[in-house]
Amino acid sequence: MKNRWLVFVSNSINFFTVIMKKIIVRLEPLGKTVKLEPGGSLQDILFKYGIEFPCGGDGICGKCKVRLIKGNLVINDIQRQYFTDEELAEGWRLACQCRVTEPVTLELVQWEMRILSDDQKIGIHGQKGYAVAVDLGTTTLVAQLIDLSTGTIAGTQTALNPQAQYGADVMSRIQYALTDEGAKKLRRFISNIISELIMELVYGLDREDIMITQVVIAGNTAMHHLFCGVDVIPLSRVPFETDNDGEYTWQSSEIGWNLPGNPSVRFLPCLGGFVGSDILAGIIATGLYQEEELTALIDLGTNGEIVIGNSNQILIASTAAGPAFEGAKISMGMRAASGAISKVVVKDGQFDAHVIGSGRALGICGSGLVDAVACALDTGQIEPSGKILNGTGRMKIRDAVFLIQQDIRELQLAKAAIAAGLDILIQRFSASISDINKIHIAGAFGNYINIESARRIGLISSEFKDIIQAGNTSLAGTKQMIINNEMYQGIKDKISHVSLGTDPEFMDRFVENMTFAESPG
């Protein structure tokens, strides 16, 4: 009996020694330390500190560069192909390719990201408790706590979508989720972060008697499926449709959330294809469904959604345009975070670029990309075909940030897809651009983009006169659906989804919109 007890104690000590023996990773100049299991990947811990993994960790985009200051990280063949011997000697590594086996110190760039929220109160008062509206984006998350007695915003929390470490765009995320383990992991990530944001909102009130009555979530179709546990396989292949895109409702305890009041949790229904409930919320927020004249809504995120309609009929479509607009697939592209060139103008014949955070330029985000190309067209540095004319195949913007020929082509592909989609939907109404009363541009990219630059590159036709930068319409519309649980029912009946990929004229319109306009004068 004594020997068995000794064996048990010895095994327990060994078990707890393994558990406690995590490796410390120090992050400078942030002054933070994080812990990893021996052999753990840097990809698992660095995303929340601003390191991007657009390719999902395949080592092909080079966006996850960090510099090793102290310790050792094994250099594999992928990193030898990406970095020169001198750069490797200086400590440069690709975080997605590194596993930690000893304590290390890494140098990261100071980082802050702009996440678009919505501060409008809702038209409700006199009810008891609180509600939470959640905008679940491919890249970012916003959760707002609403005081139902006054309709005011009691708190806002934002975060990056942790799924993005497995791919910046929707299709990369879906590809990762095709295995059962991948899907479970992405679902767990997003469920945990939303729960954490809500609890941070609750703690922020510093009250013990708070009761949440409902949580309402809006997001695109991929986010809907990944959160709700719906099979994403139909979204991975043509015609990119799904039969299981309706509203899902649970009590918070059923999905493992320990929230005060055990509120209902609703994920609003999708509209068809890749057009999700974030666009349903946008239609409600902009009042498009009440307009007498034709009105348009474009959401320029990691996926591009297009809506045209009025109080009688609404047509919707989606196109894979967003990655370039948010910096993905651009050689030096990045999110709208510290170090990103976000604005470019021409002064004395030269580029004058604004950098978020006012430091050295590290890359360029979507709004800066559109500005830079518009300025290059005006100064004759780029042909209408998109060709860079200086003979080097690249164009300096500021500091060490350049655009290369492929970057221009990625922007052309993105803007052509949006413009062609608009053309097709307008044609379905037997209308012309002059028949569109106004156009709402939604999403973070749409909020910060220079409208004149967007016109110059042909993303938005110069014939559109009334252009409204509408902000976070997904969050604004979700808050309205807290007031009226069923208000979307009549709206949804007016909506028809148009599959651009199967439209016989889409490719012709796409090709027509690839080129830029001639420089004026």
Protein backbone atom coordinates (compact mmCIF):
# COMPACT_ATOMS: atom_id res chain seq x y z
CA MET A 1 0.00 0.00 0.00
CA LYS A 2 2.87 2.37 0.90
CA ASN A 3 4.60 1.71 -2.42
CA ARG A 4 1.39 2.44 -4.36
CA TRP A 5 1.04 5.72 -2.47
CA LEU A 6 4.63 6.69 -3.33
CA VAL A 7 4.07 5.88 -7.00
CA PHE A 8 0.90 7.99 -6.98
CA VAL A 9 2.68 10.95 -5.34
CA SER A 10 5.63 10.63 -7.76
CA ASN A 11 3.37 10.57 -10.82
CA SER A 12 1.38 13.54 -9.51
CA ILE A 13 4.56 15.57 -8.97
CA ASN A 14 5.75 14.73 -12.49
CA PHE A 15 2.35 15.70 -13.95
CA PHE A 16 2.23 19.07 -12.19
CA THR A 17 5.90 19.74 -13.06
CA VAL A 18 5.04 19.34 -16.76
CA ILE A 19 1.98 21.57 -16.40
CA MET A 20 3.89 24.30 -14.56
CA LYS A 21 6.97 24.18 -16.80
CA LYS A 22 5.81 26.63 -19.42
CA ILE A 23 8.26 28.69 -21.41
CA ILE A 24 8.34 32.46 -21.01
CA VAL A 25 8.27 34.64 -24.13
CA ARG A 26 9.09 38.30 -23.50
CA LEU A 27 7.71 40.90 -25.92
CA GLU A 28 9.52 44.21 -26.36
CA PRO A 29 9.01 47.17 -26.36
CA LEU A 30 5.56 46.19 -25.01
CA GLY A 31 7.15 44.97 -21.78
CA LYS A 32 4.80 42.00 -21.68
CA THR A 33 5.46 38.33 -21.02
CA VAL A 34 3.41 35.38 -22.21
CA LYS A 35 3.77 31.67 -21.56
CA LEU A 36 3.78 28.76 -23.97
CA GLU A 37 3.90 25.01 -23.63
CA PRO A 38 7.28 23.58 -24.74
CA GLY A 39 7.13 23.26 -28.52
CA GLY A 40 4.22 25.72 -28.77
CA SER A 41 3.89 27.92 -31.85
CA LEU A 42 4.37 31.70 -31.73
CA GLN A 43 1.32 31.91 -34.00
CA ASP A 44 -0.85 30.89 -31.04
CA ILE A 45 0.15 33.88 -28.88
CA LEU A 46 1.23 36.79 -31.08
CA PHE A 47 -1.93 37.58 -33.04
CA LYS A 48 -3.46 39.59 -30.19
CA TYR A 49 -0.32 41.73 -30.09
CA GLY A 50 -0.65 42.85 -33.71
CA ILE A 51 1.28 40.21 -35.65
CA GLU A 52 -0.68 39.29 -38.77
CA PHE A 53 -1.04 35.83 -40.35
CA PRO A 54 -2.93 36.54 -43.62
CA CYS A 55 -1.85 33.26 -45.23
CA GLY A 56 -2.97 31.27 -42.18
CA GLY A 57 0.56 30.28 -41.17
CA ASP A 58 1.76 28.73 -44.43
CA GLY A 59 4.86 30.96 -44.52
CA ILE A 60 4.11 32.49 -47.91
CA CYS A 61 2.95 36.05 -47.13
CA GLY A 62 5.78 37.22 -44.85
CA LYS A 63 3.48 39.42 -42.75
CA CYS A 64 4.38 37.79 -39.42
CA LYS A 65 7.97 39.03 -39.18
CA VAL A 66 9.44 39.37 -35.68
CA ARG A 67 13.02 39.94 -34.50
CA LEU A 68 14.67 37.58 -32.05
CA ILE A 69 16.62 39.55 -29.43
CA LYS A 70 17.51 36.78 -27.00
CA GLY A 71 17.25 33.00 -27.04
CA ASN A 72 16.99 30.62 -29.97
CA LEU A 73 14.35 29.88 -32.60
CA VAL A 74 15.09 27.14 -35.12
CA ILE A 75 15.45 28.36 -38.72
CA ASN A 76 13.69 26.13 -41.24
CA ASP A 77 13.89 26.02 -45.04
CA ILE A 78 10.89 28.33 -45.49
CA GLN A 79 12.63 31.07 -43.49
CA ARG A 80 15.90 30.55 -45.35
CA GLN A 81 14.03 31.15 -48.59
CA TYR A 82 12.35 34.27 -47.26
CA PHE A 83 15.26 35.99 -45.43
CA THR A 84 18.87 36.63 -46.48
CA ASP A 85 21.70 35.24 -44.33
CA GLU A 86 22.29 38.75 -43.02
CA GLU A 87 18.66 39.18 -42.01
CA LEU A 88 18.63 35.81 -40.26
CA ALA A 89 21.81 36.81 -38.41
CA GLU A 90 20.07 39.99 -37.30
CA GLY A 91 17.36 37.82 -35.72
CA TRP A 92 14.52 38.14 -38.24
CA ARG A 93 12.07 35.23 -38.17
CA LEU A 94 8.61 34.29 -39.44
CA ALA A 95 6.50 33.78 -36.33
CA CYS A 96 4.25 31.21 -38.00
CA GLN A 97 7.28 28.94 -38.58
CA CYS A 98 8.72 29.13 -35.07
CA ARG A 99 8.12 26.84 -32.12
CA VAL A 100 9.49 27.76 -28.70
CA THR A 101 11.77 25.34 -26.85
CA GLU A 102 13.50 27.82 -24.51
CA PRO A 103 12.85 31.31 -23.11
CA VAL A 104 13.06 33.97 -25.82
CA THR A 105 12.76 37.74 -26.13
CA LEU A 106 11.16 39.16 -29.26
CA GLU A 107 10.96 42.65 -30.66
CA LEU A 108 7.50 43.66 -31.86
CA VAL A 109 6.30 46.94 -33.29
CA GLN A 110 4.21 49.12 -30.98
CA TRP A 111 0.70 48.52 -32.21
CA GLU A 112 -2.77 49.97 -32.10
CA MET A 113 -5.66 49.31 -34.46
CA ARG A 114 -8.68 51.40 -35.38
CA ILE A 115 -11.92 49.44 -34.95
CA LEU A 116 -15.12 51.12 -36.07
CA SER A 117 -17.99 51.25 -33.59
CA ASP A 118 -21.36 53.05 -33.46
CA ASP A 119 -22.39 55.36 -30.62
CA GLN A 120 -26.03 55.98 -31.52
CA LYS A 121 -28.56 55.21 -28.79
CA ILE A 122 -31.64 53.18 -29.65
CA GLY A 123 -35.26 54.28 -29.46
CA ILE A 124 -36.28 52.28 -26.45
CA HIS A 125 -36.78 53.08 -22.79
CA GLY A 126 -38.63 51.88 -19.73
CA GLN A 127 -37.61 48.23 -19.99
CA LYS A 128 -35.58 46.41 -17.36
CA GLY A 129 -32.09 45.06 -17.76
CA TYR A 130 -29.48 45.25 -20.49
CA ALA A 131 -28.98 43.85 -23.98
CA VAL A 132 -25.81 43.24 -25.97
CA ALA A 133 -25.35 43.85 -29.71
CA VAL A 134 -22.39 42.13 -31.40
CA ASP A 135 -20.89 42.88 -34.81
CA LEU A 136 -18.91 39.73 -35.64
CA GLY A 137 -16.59 40.66 -38.48
CA THR A 138 -14.02 38.57 -40.29
CA THR A 139 -11.26 40.85 -38.95
CA THR A 140 -12.72 42.71 -35.98
CA LEU A 141 -15.36 42.40 -33.27
CA VAL A 142 -17.48 45.02 -31.51
CA ALA A 143 -19.79 44.35 -28.57
CA GLN A 144 -22.03 47.04 -27.08
CA LEU A 145 -24.00 46.95 -23.86
CA ILE A 146 -27.34 48.78 -24.06
CA ASP A 147 -29.28 50.01 -21.06
CA LEU A 148 -32.87 49.06 -21.92
CA SER A 149 -34.31 51.58 -19.47
CA THR A 150 -32.85 54.52 -21.43
CA GLY A 151 -31.65 53.13 -24.78
CA THR A 152 -28.16 54.52 -24.13
CA ILE A 153 -24.85 52.75 -24.70
CA ALA A 154 -23.52 51.59 -21.34
CA GLY A 155 -20.21 50.33 -22.72
CA THR A 156 -18.32 49.19 -25.81
CA GLN A 157 -15.62 46.55 -26.16
CA THR A 158 -13.63 45.75 -29.31
CA ALA A 159 -11.17 43.06 -30.32
CA LEU A 160 -9.55 41.40 -33.28
CA ASN A 161 -11.20 38.20 -34.46
CA PRO A 162 -8.75 35.52 -33.20
CA GLN A 163 -9.72 33.25 -36.11
CA ALA A 164 -7.67 35.56 -38.38
CA GLN A 165 -4.45 33.86 -37.34
CA TYR A 166 -5.66 31.03 -39.58
CA GLY A 167 -6.25 33.27 -42.61
CA ALA A 168 -7.15 36.90 -43.25
CA ASP A 169 -9.90 36.28 -45.78
CA VAL A 170 -13.13 34.29 -45.65
CA MET A 171 -12.01 31.50 -47.98
CA SER A 172 -8.80 30.84 -46.00
CA ARG A 173 -10.91 30.57 -42.86
CA ILE A 174 -13.33 28.17 -44.54
CA GLN A 175 -10.47 26.05 -45.85
CA TYR A 176 -9.10 25.68 -42.32
CA ALA A 177 -12.57 24.71 -41.06
CA LEU A 178 -13.08 21.89 -43.55
CA THR A 179 -11.71 19.43 -41.00
CA ASP A 180 -13.79 18.70 -37.92
CA GLU A 181 -10.99 19.78 -35.57
CA GLY A 182 -10.40 23.00 -37.48
CA ALA A 183 -14.10 23.91 -37.36
CA LYS A 184 -14.29 23.19 -33.62
CA LYS A 185 -11.20 25.30 -32.97
CA LEU A 186 -12.50 28.31 -34.88
CA ARG A 187 -15.90 28.01 -33.19
CA ARG A 188 -14.28 27.85 -29.75
CA PHE A 189 -12.07 30.86 -30.50
CA ILE A 190 -14.93 33.11 -31.52
CA SER A 191 -17.32 31.94 -28.80
CA ASN A 192 -14.69 32.54 -26.11
CA ILE A 193 -13.75 36.03 -27.27
CA ILE A 194 -17.37 37.21 -27.50
CA SER A 195 -18.08 35.84 -24.03
CA GLU A 196 -14.98 37.64 -22.71
CA LEU A 197 -16.02 40.93 -24.30
CA ILE A 198 -19.48 40.71 -22.74
CA MET A 199 -18.05 39.96 -19.29
CA GLU A 200 -15.70 42.94 -19.64
CA LEU A 201 -18.77 45.09 -20.36
CA VAL A 202 -20.48 43.72 -17.24
CA TYR A 203 -17.42 44.32 -15.05
CA GLY A 204 -17.20 47.86 -16.42
CA LEU A 205 -20.56 48.74 -14.85
CA ASP A 206 -19.32 47.93 -11.36
CA ARG A 207 -22.75 46.66 -10.36
CA GLU A 208 -23.79 43.39 -8.78
CA ASP A 209 -27.47 43.44 -9.81
CA ILE A 210 -26.97 43.64 -13.60
CA MET A 211 -29.17 41.37 -15.69
CA ILE A 212 -28.72 40.79 -19.44
CA THR A 213 -31.93 39.83 -21.23
CA GLN A 214 -30.62 39.17 -24.76
CA VAL A 215 -27.51 39.03 -26.93
CA VAL A 216 -27.97 39.65 -30.67
CA ILE A 217 -25.17 38.85 -33.13
CA ALA A 218 -24.75 39.78 -36.81
CA GLY A 219 -22.03 38.59 -39.16
CA ASN A 220 -21.35 37.33 -42.67
CA THR A 221 -22.30 33.80 -43.73
CA ALA A 222 -18.91 32.29 -42.90
CA MET A 223 -18.95 33.80 -39.39
CA HIS A 224 -22.57 32.63 -38.96
CA HIS A 225 -21.64 29.06 -39.87
CA LEU A 226 -18.48 28.96 -37.77
CA PHE A 227 -20.22 30.34 -34.68
CA CYS A 228 -23.37 28.24 -35.05
CA GLY A 229 -21.54 24.99 -35.87
CA VAL A 230 -22.99 24.77 -39.39
CA ASP A 231 -21.10 22.76 -42.03
CA VAL A 232 -19.00 25.13 -44.18
CA ILE A 233 -18.38 22.65 -47.02
CA PRO A 234 -21.16 24.14 -49.25
CA LEU A 235 -19.41 27.52 -48.91
CA SER A 236 -16.12 26.09 -50.16
CA ARG A 237 -17.31 25.25 -53.67
CA VAL A 238 -19.37 26.73 -56.49
CA PRO A 239 -22.13 27.97 -56.34
CA PHE A 240 -21.21 28.97 -52.73
CA GLU A 241 -24.72 28.49 -51.39
CA THR A 242 -26.03 26.97 -48.19
CA ASP A 243 -29.38 25.57 -47.10
CA ASN A 244 -28.79 26.16 -43.41
CA ASP A 245 -28.41 29.91 -42.96
CA GLY A 246 -31.38 30.80 -40.75
CA GLU A 247 -31.56 32.36 -37.30
CA TYR A 248 -30.11 30.36 -34.40
CA THR A 249 -31.16 30.92 -30.78
CA TRP A 250 -29.81 29.50 -27.51
CA GLN A 251 -29.81 30.32 -23.83
CA SER A 252 -26.31 31.53 -22.97
CA SER A 253 -25.73 28.60 -20.60
CA GLU A 254 -26.32 26.18 -23.51
CA ILE A 255 -23.22 27.47 -25.31
CA GLY A 256 -21.07 27.64 -22.19
CA TRP A 257 -21.48 31.33 -21.41
CA ASN A 258 -21.93 32.21 -17.74
CA LEU A 259 -23.72 35.54 -18.16
CA PRO A 260 -25.92 37.25 -15.55
CA GLY A 261 -29.57 36.55 -16.28
CA ASN A 262 -28.77 33.61 -18.61
CA PRO A 263 -29.94 35.68 -21.61
CA SER A 264 -31.06 34.39 -24.98
CA VAL A 265 -28.35 34.50 -27.67
CA ARG A 266 -29.54 35.07 -31.26
CA PHE A 267 -27.44 34.91 -34.39
CA LEU A 268 -29.45 36.71 -37.05
CA PRO A 269 -30.20 34.95 -40.37
CA CYS A 270 -28.12 35.24 -43.56
CA LEU A 271 -29.58 36.45 -46.85
CA GLY A 272 -27.96 34.11 -49.41
CA GLY A 273 -24.52 33.00 -50.55
CA PHE A 274 -21.87 35.01 -48.71
CA VAL A 275 -24.31 37.81 -47.88
CA GLY A 276 -24.93 37.52 -44.17
CA SER A 277 -26.91 39.14 -41.39
CA ASP A 278 -24.41 42.01 -41.23
CA ILE A 279 -25.91 43.18 -44.53
CA LEU A 280 -29.44 42.57 -43.26
CA ALA A 281 -28.53 44.88 -40.35
CA GLY A 282 -27.06 47.37 -42.84
CA ILE A 283 -30.27 47.44 -44.87
CA ILE A 284 -32.17 48.23 -41.68
CA ALA A 285 -29.65 50.81 -40.39
CA THR A 286 -29.62 52.80 -43.63
CA GLY A 287 -33.40 52.62 -44.09
CA LEU A 288 -32.86 51.30 -47.63
CA TYR A 289 -35.93 49.08 -47.30
CA GLN A 290 -38.11 52.18 -46.84
CA GLU A 291 -36.78 54.23 -49.76
CA GLU A 292 -39.08 55.05 -52.67
CA GLU A 293 -36.20 55.55 -55.12
CA LEU A 294 -33.43 53.06 -55.88
CA THR A 295 -30.72 53.19 -53.21
CA ALA A 296 -27.41 51.28 -52.98
CA LEU A 297 -25.38 49.90 -50.08
CA ILE A 298 -21.82 48.61 -50.46
CA ASP A 299 -19.96 47.01 -47.55
CA LEU A 300 -16.23 47.01 -48.30
CA GLY A 301 -14.72 44.61 -45.79
CA THR A 302 -12.78 41.41 -46.27
CA ASN A 303 -15.68 40.39 -48.46
CA GLY A 304 -17.50 42.88 -50.70
CA GLU A 305 -21.30 42.90 -50.47
CA ILE A 306 -23.55 44.96 -52.76
CA VAL A 307 -27.22 45.89 -52.28
CA ILE A 308 -29.55 47.83 -54.55
CA GLY A 309 -33.23 48.32 -53.87
CA ASN A 310 -36.14 50.25 -52.45
CA SER A 311 -39.33 49.62 -50.50
CA ASN A 312 -40.60 47.23 -53.19
CA GLN A 313 -37.62 45.03 -54.07
CA ILE A 314 -34.02 44.49 -52.92
CA LEU A 315 -31.26 42.68 -54.83
CA ILE A 316 -28.08 41.53 -53.07
CA ALA A 317 -24.77 40.03 -54.20
CA SER A 318 -21.26 39.40 -52.91
CA THR A 319 -17.84 39.32 -54.51
CA ALA A 320 -14.37 38.43 -53.23
CA ALA A 321 -12.99 41.96 -53.33
CA GLY A 322 -12.23 42.87 -49.74
CA PRO A 323 -8.77 41.38 -49.03
CA ALA A 324 -6.96 44.02 -51.11
CA PHE A 325 -9.03 46.80 -49.54
CA GLU A 326 -7.89 45.69 -46.08
CA GLY A 327 -4.23 45.24 -47.02
CA ALA A 328 -4.25 41.49 -47.58
CA LYS A 329 -2.56 40.17 -50.75
CA ILE A 330 -0.62 43.47 -50.98
CA SER A 331 3.15 43.00 -50.70
CA MET A 332 3.52 45.58 -47.92
CA GLY A 333 -0.16 45.66 -46.97
CA MET A 334 -1.35 45.68 -43.38
CA ARG A 335 -4.41 46.48 -41.33
CA ALA A 336 -5.23 50.08 -40.42
CA ALA A 337 -2.93 49.94 -37.41
CA SER A 338 0.09 51.83 -36.09
CA GLY A 339 2.70 52.18 -38.83
CA ALA A 340 0.24 51.90 -41.72
CA ILE A 341 0.11 54.54 -44.44
CA SER A 342 -3.56 55.50 -44.37
CA LYS A 343 -3.64 58.60 -46.57
CA VAL A 344 -1.64 59.86 -49.56
CA VAL A 345 -1.84 63.24 -51.33
CA VAL A 346 0.37 64.99 -53.87
CA LYS A 347 2.35 68.03 -52.73
CA ASP A 348 4.79 69.78 -55.06
CA GLY A 349 4.60 66.80 -57.40
CA GLN A 350 5.61 64.30 -54.67
CA PHE A 351 3.74 61.80 -52.51
CA ASP A 352 2.92 63.09 -49.02
CA ALA A 353 1.82 60.12 -46.91
CA HIS A 354 0.18 60.09 -43.49
CA VAL A 355 1.14 57.24 -41.13
CA ILE A 356 -1.12 56.06 -38.32
CA GLY A 357 0.72 56.75 -35.07
CA SER A 358 3.00 59.31 -36.77
CA GLY A 359 6.05 57.02 -36.73
CA ARG A 360 8.00 55.34 -39.49
CA ALA A 361 5.89 53.76 -42.25
CA LEU A 362 5.82 49.97 -41.96
CA GLY A 363 3.21 49.17 -44.60
CA ILE A 364 0.06 50.45 -46.27
CA CYS A 365 -3.62 49.82 -45.47
CA GLY A 366 -6.55 49.85 -47.87
CA SER A 367 -7.39 53.56 -47.75
CA GLY A 368 -3.72 54.43 -48.30
CA LEU A 369 -3.52 52.01 -51.22
CA VAL A 370 -6.49 53.62 -52.99
CA ASP A 371 -5.04 57.10 -52.37
CA ALA A 372 -1.57 56.11 -53.60
CA VAL A 373 -2.85 54.65 -56.86
CA ALA A 374 -5.17 57.63 -57.44
CA CYS A 375 -2.23 60.00 -56.90
CA ALA A 376 0.00 57.93 -59.19
CA LEU A 377 -2.63 58.11 -61.93
CA ASP A 378 -2.87 61.89 -61.56
CA THR A 379 0.92 62.33 -61.71
CA GLY A 380 1.34 59.96 -64.66
CA GLN A 381 3.31 57.31 -62.77
CA ILE A 382 0.77 54.61 -63.64
CA GLU A 383 -0.89 54.01 -67.00
CA PRO A 384 -4.67 53.50 -67.28
CA SER A 385 -3.80 49.83 -67.86
CA GLY A 386 -2.24 49.75 -64.38
CA LYS A 387 1.37 49.50 -65.55
CA ILE A 388 3.99 51.26 -63.40
CA LEU A 389 5.95 53.48 -65.78
CA ASN A 390 9.32 54.02 -64.07
CA GLY A 391 10.79 50.79 -65.46
CA THR A 392 11.51 49.23 -62.06
CA GLY A 393 8.13 47.55 -61.52
CA ARG A 394 7.76 49.21 -58.14
CA MET A 395 6.80 52.63 -56.81
CA LYS A 396 8.02 54.19 -53.56
CA ILE A 397 5.35 55.71 -51.31
CA ARG A 398 7.23 56.63 -48.12
CA ASP A 399 10.23 55.42 -46.10
CA ALA A 400 10.80 51.78 -47.08
CA VAL A 401 7.20 51.21 -48.26
CA PHE A 402 6.76 50.41 -51.96
CA LEU A 403 3.98 49.22 -54.19
CA ILE A 404 4.85 46.60 -56.79
CA GLN A 405 3.11 45.77 -60.06
CA GLN A 406 1.21 42.87 -58.52
CA ASP A 407 -0.21 45.21 -55.85
CA ILE A 408 -1.72 47.42 -58.56
CA ARG A 409 -3.21 44.36 -60.21
CA GLU A 410 -4.75 43.17 -56.91
CA LEU A 411 -6.43 46.56 -56.50
CA GLN A 412 -7.68 46.42 -60.09
CA LEU A 413 -9.18 42.99 -59.50
CA ALA A 414 -10.90 44.16 -56.31
CA LYS A 415 -12.33 47.39 -57.68
CA ALA A 416 -13.41 45.71 -60.94
CA ALA A 417 -15.34 43.07 -59.00
CA ILE A 418 -17.27 45.69 -57.01
CA ALA A 419 -17.94 47.91 -60.03
CA ALA A 420 -19.06 44.94 -62.15
CA GLY A 421 -21.35 43.72 -59.39
CA LEU A 422 -22.98 47.14 -59.19
CA ASP A 423 -23.46 47.14 -62.97
CA ILE A 424 -25.16 43.75 -62.89
CA LEU A 425 -27.59 44.64 -60.10
CA ILE A 426 -28.48 47.96 -61.74
CA GLN A 427 -29.12 46.08 -64.99
CA ARG A 428 -31.39 43.62 -63.17
CA PHE A 429 -33.56 46.60 -62.26
CA SER A 430 -33.56 47.75 -65.91
CA ALA A 431 -32.09 50.98 -64.54
CA SER A 432 -28.99 53.14 -65.01
CA ILE A 433 -26.52 54.73 -62.59
CA SER A 434 -28.45 58.01 -62.83
CA ASP A 435 -31.46 56.21 -61.35
CA ILE A 436 -29.61 55.52 -58.08
CA ASN A 437 -30.75 58.13 -55.57
CA LYS A 438 -27.87 57.63 -53.13
CA ILE A 439 -25.22 55.12 -52.19
CA HIS A 440 -24.18 54.13 -48.67
CA ILE A 441 -20.58 52.96 -48.14
CA ALA A 442 -20.38 50.80 -45.01
CA GLY A 443 -17.61 49.17 -43.01
CA ALA A 444 -14.28 50.39 -41.61
CA PHE A 445 -12.60 50.68 -45.01
CA GLY A 446 -15.61 52.50 -46.41
CA ASN A 447 -15.57 54.87 -43.46
CA TYR A 448 -11.94 55.96 -43.92
CA ILE A 449 -11.59 55.85 -47.71
CA ASN A 450 -11.22 59.12 -49.62
CA ILE A 451 -14.30 59.25 -51.86
CA GLU A 452 -12.52 61.25 -54.57
CA SER A 453 -9.72 58.65 -54.69
CA ALA A 454 -12.35 55.91 -54.95
CA ARG A 455 -13.90 57.76 -57.89
CA ARG A 456 -10.49 58.28 -59.50
CA ILE A 457 -9.66 54.56 -59.61
CA GLY A 458 -13.19 53.61 -60.73
CA LEU A 459 -14.24 51.85 -57.53
CA ILE A 460 -17.23 54.21 -57.34
CA SER A 461 -18.61 55.73 -60.52
CA SER A 462 -18.26 59.50 -60.84
CA GLU A 463 -21.95 59.49 -61.81
CA PHE A 464 -22.97 58.66 -58.23
CA LYS A 465 -23.73 62.05 -56.69
CA ASP A 466 -24.98 61.39 -53.16
CA ILE A 467 -22.44 59.16 -51.40
CA ILE A 468 -22.83 58.55 -47.66
CA GLN A 469 -20.04 57.03 -45.56
CA ALA A 470 -22.38 55.17 -43.24
CA GLY A 471 -19.98 53.72 -40.65
CA ASN A 472 -20.65 50.44 -38.84
CA THR A 473 -24.12 49.71 -40.19
CA SER A 474 -23.91 46.11 -39.00
CA LEU A 475 -23.75 47.19 -35.37
CA ALA A 476 -26.27 50.00 -35.85
CA GLY A 477 -28.84 47.68 -37.45
CA THR A 478 -28.29 44.93 -34.89
CA LYS A 479 -29.15 47.39 -32.13
CA GLN A 480 -32.39 48.21 -33.91
CA MET A 481 -33.27 44.51 -34.02
CA ILE A 482 -32.94 44.42 -30.25
CA ILE A 483 -35.97 46.72 -30.14
CA ASN A 484 -38.03 44.60 -32.53
CA ASN A 485 -37.10 40.92 -32.65
CA GLU A 486 -39.08 40.24 -35.79
CA MET A 487 -38.65 43.45 -37.78
CA TYR A 488 -36.46 41.73 -40.39
CA GLN A 489 -39.17 39.26 -41.41
CA GLY A 490 -41.00 41.55 -43.85
CA ILE A 491 -37.72 42.96 -45.16
CA LYS A 492 -36.25 39.52 -45.85
CA ASP A 493 -39.25 38.65 -48.03
CA LYS A 494 -38.33 41.51 -50.41
CA ILE A 495 -34.74 40.33 -50.87
CA SER A 496 -33.41 38.23 -53.77
CA HIS A 497 -29.84 36.96 -53.95
CA VAL A 498 -27.97 37.29 -57.26
CA SER A 499 -25.07 34.89 -57.86
CA LEU A 500 -22.54 36.99 -59.78
CA GLY A 501 -20.43 33.94 -60.58
CA THR A 502 -23.22 32.42 -62.66
CA ASP A 503 -24.31 35.64 -64.36
CA PRO A 504 -23.38 35.38 -68.08
CA GLU A 505 -22.48 39.07 -68.31
CA PHE A 506 -20.43 39.41 -65.14
CA MET A 507 -17.08 38.53 -66.68
CA ASP A 508 -17.53 41.03 -69.51
CA ARG A 509 -18.40 43.78 -67.04
CA PHE A 510 -15.47 42.72 -64.85
CA VAL A 511 -12.99 43.05 -67.72
CA GLU A 512 -14.46 46.42 -68.72
CA ASN A 513 -13.87 47.75 -65.20
CA MET A 514 -10.27 46.52 -64.86
CA THR A 515 -8.63 49.62 -66.36
CA PHE A 516 -8.33 53.05 -64.76
CA ALA A 517 -9.59 56.25 -66.37
CA GLU A 518 -7.22 58.56 -68.24
CA SER A 519 -5.62 61.33 -66.16
CA PRO A 520 -7.78 64.48 -66.38
CA GLY A 521 -6.48 67.34 -68.51
